[in-house]
């Protein structure tokens, strides 16, 4: 487990950067400690989607062990 508690989002925002050839999404987590901005490409979107699906499954089933 982490050596400090994780940040809890109080809001979320999105943005887009780039031109016609290159597009990058920006995911903005708003927290009491400040905003955290992450640039993500299509591959990162898929990785995040899979991770959120795993988290959802563990939250729904009440499991906290066996998390990768």
Protein backbone atom coordinates (compact mmCIF):
# COMPACT_ATOMS: atom_id res chain seq x y z
CA UNK A 1 0.00 0.00 0.00
CA UNK A 2 1.06 3.60 -0.50
CA UNK A 3 3.07 5.37 2.20
CA UNK A 4 0.45 8.15 2.34
CA UNK A 5 -3.30 8.29 1.73
CA UNK A 6 -4.30 8.75 -1.93
CA UNK A 7 -5.79 12.01 -3.16
CA UNK A 8 -9.59 11.94 -3.37
CA UNK A 9 -10.97 13.71 -6.44
CA UNK A 10 -13.57 16.39 -5.81
CA UNK A 11 -14.15 16.90 -9.53
CA UNK A 12 -12.88 15.88 -12.92
CA UNK A 13 -12.34 17.71 -16.18
CA UNK A 14 -11.10 16.95 -19.66
CA UNK A 15 -9.38 18.82 -22.46
CA UNK A 16 -7.77 18.17 -25.84
CA UNK A 17 -4.40 19.24 -27.16
CA UNK A 18 -2.80 18.88 -30.56
CA UNK A 19 -3.44 19.45 -34.22
CA UNK A 20 -4.96 17.43 -37.07
CA UNK A 21 -2.08 14.93 -37.05
CA UNK A 22 -1.56 14.52 -33.30
CA UNK A 23 -4.24 14.55 -30.62
CA UNK A 24 -3.64 14.18 -26.91
CA UNK A 25 -6.38 14.10 -24.29
CA UNK A 26 -5.94 15.75 -20.93
CA UNK A 27 -7.56 14.24 -17.87
CA UNK A 28 -7.79 16.68 -14.96
CA UNK A 29 -8.41 15.40 -11.44
CA UNK A 30 -9.49 18.20 -9.10
CA UNK A 31 -8.61 17.60 -5.43
CA UNK A 32 -8.48 19.63 -2.23
CA UNK A 33 -4.67 19.63 -2.65
CA UNK A 34 -4.83 21.00 -6.21
CA UNK A 35 -5.37 19.79 -9.76
CA UNK A 36 -3.49 16.90 -11.31
CA UNK A 37 -3.36 16.94 -15.12
CA UNK A 38 -2.48 13.85 -17.15
CA UNK A 39 -1.84 13.81 -20.89
CA UNK A 40 -3.16 10.57 -22.39
CA UNK A 41 -3.15 9.00 -25.83
CA UNK A 42 -5.43 6.29 -27.24
CA UNK A 43 -3.32 3.49 -25.71
CA UNK A 44 -3.53 5.12 -22.27
CA UNK A 45 -7.32 5.40 -22.62
CA UNK A 46 -7.54 1.62 -23.04
CA UNK A 47 -5.22 0.96 -20.08
CA UNK A 48 -7.27 3.31 -17.87
CA UNK A 49 -10.52 1.70 -19.05
CA UNK A 50 -9.24 -1.76 -18.05
CA UNK A 51 -7.98 -0.49 -14.69
CA UNK A 52 -11.31 1.19 -13.90
CA UNK A 53 -13.13 -2.00 -14.84
CA UNK A 54 -10.97 -3.99 -12.39
CA UNK A 55 -11.54 -1.42 -9.64
CA UNK A 56 -15.29 -1.49 -10.29
CA UNK A 57 -15.31 -5.29 -10.05
CA UNK A 58 -13.41 -5.26 -6.75
CA UNK A 59 -15.64 -2.53 -5.30
CA UNK A 60 -18.79 -4.35 -6.36
CA UNK A 61 -17.61 -7.67 -4.96
CA UNK A 62 -16.20 -6.14 -1.78
CA UNK A 63 -12.72 -7.55 -2.40
CA UNK A 64 -9.63 -5.60 -1.40
CA UNK A 65 -7.05 -8.33 -1.91
CA UNK A 66 -5.66 -9.72 -5.16
CA UNK A 67 -5.45 -6.26 -6.74
CA UNK A 68 -2.66 -5.93 -9.32
